[in-house]
Amino acid sequence: MPAYSLTKTRFVEGIWQGLLVARTADAPPPEVMVTLQDAPVRGVTVSQSTTPGRWALEVPVPVQAVGDGVQTFLILDAMSGEKLDSFTLIAGEAAGDDLRAEMALLRAELDMLKRAFRRHCLETS
């Protein structure tokens, strides 16, 4: 069981923010590591909140991560190596095509399920 849980609070102006909560109130401050493409992200801050066992986490998105494609950030407990959370940025032309293709596939599958359900209803009534 992980020693900390992480909940996203917001993502604004290029800063991903979250709340780290320890499983026990007397837990030591967490050591957090954030990676992008297996490289550490710089500028990550962990600040003690007014409540014991809670810390505010801020992850700045580096400029080189903003561009075409998919960028996935992994947030890890540096001591145990356990994944606390992750977030993904998707941008550019490729992203639009990928999302449209995925939506078309979902629509086709939904239409197939609707036809099968209607056929089932007709056969059983």
Protein backbone atom coordinates (compact mmCIF):
# COMPACT_ATOMS: atom_id res chain seq x y z
CA MET A 1 0.00 0.00 0.00
CA PRO A 2 1.49 3.38 -0.97
CA ALA A 3 2.50 5.72 1.86
CA TYR A 4 0.91 8.71 0.07
CA SER A 5 -2.09 9.37 -2.13
CA LEU A 6 -2.14 12.13 -4.71
CA THR A 7 -5.20 14.00 -5.97
CA LYS A 8 -5.10 16.54 -8.78
CA THR A 9 -6.48 19.89 -7.68
CA ARG A 10 -6.03 21.89 -10.89
CA PHE A 11 -3.92 22.49 -13.99
CA VAL A 12 -3.56 26.19 -14.77
CA GLU A 13 -1.00 28.42 -16.53
CA GLY A 14 1.35 25.52 -17.22
CA ILE A 15 1.43 24.29 -13.60
CA TRP A 16 -0.12 20.94 -12.63
CA GLN A 17 -1.18 21.09 -8.98
CA GLY A 18 -2.12 18.31 -6.62
CA LEU A 19 -2.58 17.43 -2.96
CA LEU A 20 -0.42 14.74 -1.39
CA VAL A 21 -1.93 13.05 1.67
CA ALA A 22 0.02 10.67 3.90
CA ARG A 23 -1.57 7.45 5.12
CA THR A 24 -0.41 8.35 8.63
CA ALA A 25 -0.33 11.84 10.16
CA ASP A 26 3.27 11.46 11.37
CA ALA A 27 4.68 10.50 7.95
CA PRO A 28 7.84 12.30 6.82
CA PRO A 29 7.61 14.82 3.98
CA PRO A 30 7.36 12.99 0.65
CA GLU A 31 10.15 12.92 -1.89
CA VAL A 32 8.50 13.27 -5.27
CA MET A 33 10.09 12.71 -8.67
CA VAL A 34 8.35 13.67 -11.91
CA THR A 35 9.58 12.32 -15.23
CA LEU A 36 8.88 13.10 -18.87
CA GLN A 37 10.26 10.62 -21.41
CA ASP A 38 12.39 9.06 -18.65
CA ALA A 39 14.04 12.41 -17.83
CA PRO A 40 13.41 14.28 -14.57
CA VAL A 41 11.27 17.42 -14.70
CA ARG A 42 12.89 20.40 -12.99
CA GLY A 43 11.17 22.89 -10.70
CA VAL A 44 8.83 20.44 -8.93
CA THR A 45 7.88 21.77 -5.50
CA VAL A 46 6.34 20.08 -2.46
CA SER A 47 5.06 22.50 0.20
CA GLN A 48 3.70 21.65 3.65
CA SER A 49 0.05 22.65 4.06
CA THR A 50 -1.51 23.87 7.27
CA THR A 51 -2.83 20.37 8.00
CA PRO A 52 -0.29 17.76 9.21
CA GLY A 53 0.24 14.92 6.75
CA ARG A 54 -0.73 17.02 3.70
CA TRP A 55 1.46 18.71 1.12
CA ALA A 56 0.80 20.80 -2.00
CA LEU A 57 2.57 19.56 -5.13
CA GLU A 58 3.32 21.79 -8.12
CA VAL A 59 4.70 20.45 -11.39
CA PRO A 60 5.70 23.05 -14.01
CA VAL A 61 5.27 21.88 -17.60
CA PRO A 62 8.54 22.51 -19.46
CA VAL A 63 8.31 24.46 -22.72
CA GLN A 64 9.85 21.57 -24.67
CA ALA A 65 6.85 19.39 -23.70
CA VAL A 66 4.41 21.71 -25.49
CA GLY A 67 4.06 20.73 -29.14
CA ASP A 68 2.66 18.16 -31.52
CA GLY A 69 2.05 14.72 -30.10
CA VAL A 70 1.41 13.11 -26.74
CA GLN A 71 3.49 13.86 -23.64
CA THR A 72 2.97 11.80 -20.49
CA PHE A 73 4.29 12.93 -17.11
CA LEU A 74 4.78 10.30 -14.38
CA ILE A 75 4.65 11.39 -10.75
CA LEU A 76 6.54 8.95 -8.54
CA ASP A 77 7.36 8.50 -4.87
CA ALA A 78 11.16 8.83 -5.11
CA MET A 79 11.75 6.62 -2.05
CA SER A 80 9.67 3.61 -3.11
CA GLY A 81 9.47 4.18 -6.86
CA GLU A 82 5.67 3.77 -6.74
CA LYS A 83 3.57 5.69 -9.22
CA LEU A 84 1.44 8.29 -7.44
CA ASP A 85 -0.27 9.70 -10.53
CA SER A 86 0.28 10.80 -14.12
CA PHE A 87 -1.02 13.39 -16.53
CA THR A 88 -0.91 13.71 -20.29
CA LEU A 89 -0.72 16.62 -22.73
CA ILE A 90 -2.06 16.05 -26.24
CA ALA A 91 -1.61 18.72 -28.91
CA GLY A 92 -1.23 19.37 -32.61
CA GLU A 93 -2.61 18.01 -35.84
CA ALA A 94 -1.83 14.39 -35.03
CA ALA A 95 -3.86 14.63 -31.83
CA GLY A 96 -6.93 15.87 -33.69
CA ASP A 97 -6.71 13.03 -36.20
CA ASP A 98 -6.22 10.45 -33.46
CA LEU A 99 -9.17 11.75 -31.46
CA ARG A 100 -11.44 11.90 -34.52
CA ALA A 101 -10.48 8.35 -35.48
CA GLU A 102 -11.14 7.12 -31.93
CA MET A 103 -14.54 8.87 -31.87
CA ALA A 104 -15.46 7.33 -35.24
CA LEU A 105 -14.55 3.89 -33.88
CA LEU A 106 -16.61 4.45 -30.73
CA ARG A 107 -19.61 5.61 -32.81
CA ALA A 108 -19.36 2.53 -35.03
CA GLU A 109 -19.21 0.23 -32.01
CA LEU A 110 -22.18 2.01 -30.41
CA ASP A 111 -24.21 1.64 -33.62
CA MET A 112 -23.34 -2.07 -33.71
CA LEU A 113 -24.48 -2.49 -30.10
CA LYS A 114 -27.72 -0.60 -30.77
CA ARG A 115 -28.53 -2.86 -33.75
CA ALA A 116 -27.76 -5.99 -31.73
CA PHE A 117 -29.89 -4.77 -28.81
CA ARG A 118 -32.83 -3.94 -31.09
CA ARG A 119 -32.55 -7.33 -32.78
CA HIS A 120 -32.47 -9.03 -29.38
CA CYS A 121 -35.59 -7.09 -28.27
CA LEU A 122 -37.48 -8.10 -31.42
CA GLU A 123 -36.51 -11.76 -31.07
CA THR A 124 -37.47 -12.02 -27.39
CA SER A 125 -40.81 -10.19 -27.56
